[in-house]
């Protein structure tokens, strides 16, 4: 009987070893998996699906210069959308928690909120789960509410002691299903006032994307970009981050 249990125990051990190696192999084939370098500064990117599109290219562009992170799902297998400013406030403490990176601090945080805030939906739902309808729907947050939420977000981010970069909200094309083209400009202006008051540099993603050819968008009237469009945004984001990193002393890493 003891011999039988010994054999079972050995099989279980080998089974667990195989299972763990299988999971490790799967994890490493996930494009979002990466092994950070403890000797490099840590960068956090916060934002919606637009930022999801440029995070991996930024990570590649800053390879060997910085560890680039963004919020991930519970299994750490896919990016988490930071949604609107209310969702940002609700989850920010979790997203900036440095326990996830085994480090004392973030060195740079590049952040944006906006596209979800100007979304119009039925029924009105500030978590953006209703049907998009810019004619009959209600905008998620007014400019005043948006600015107030951003103010609270900035106050929280400043407590991390990271260097902050605000990424302006990207271009909204005419005919977009749930957003009115031009609203993003008004909200960018409101955000710019908040950033100016806190002396936070602005990465003008809107100006860049407003010049994009239609071929860089996923489709007509779509705010999302093909990989070539995300790459162009990533190049500008990486450039802005590098400028900030260049002003941080090596001793602080």
Foldseek 3Di string as FASTA:
>chain_A
DVVVVVVVVVVVVVVVVVVVVVVVVVQVVQLQDDDDDPLAAEEEEAAFVLVQLQQSLLCVVCVVHYHYYYDPDPVSRGHDGCAALVSCVVCVVVGQPCVVVPDLAHAEYEYEHDPNQQFFFPPQDLRPPGHAAQPPGDGNHDLVRRLVSVLVSVVVVVVRVYQYEYEQDAFQAPPAGGHHGPVSVVSSVSVVVSCVVVVHHYQDNHVVRVPDDQQQAPHPRGRHGDSVVSNVSSVSVSVVVVVSSVVDDSVVD
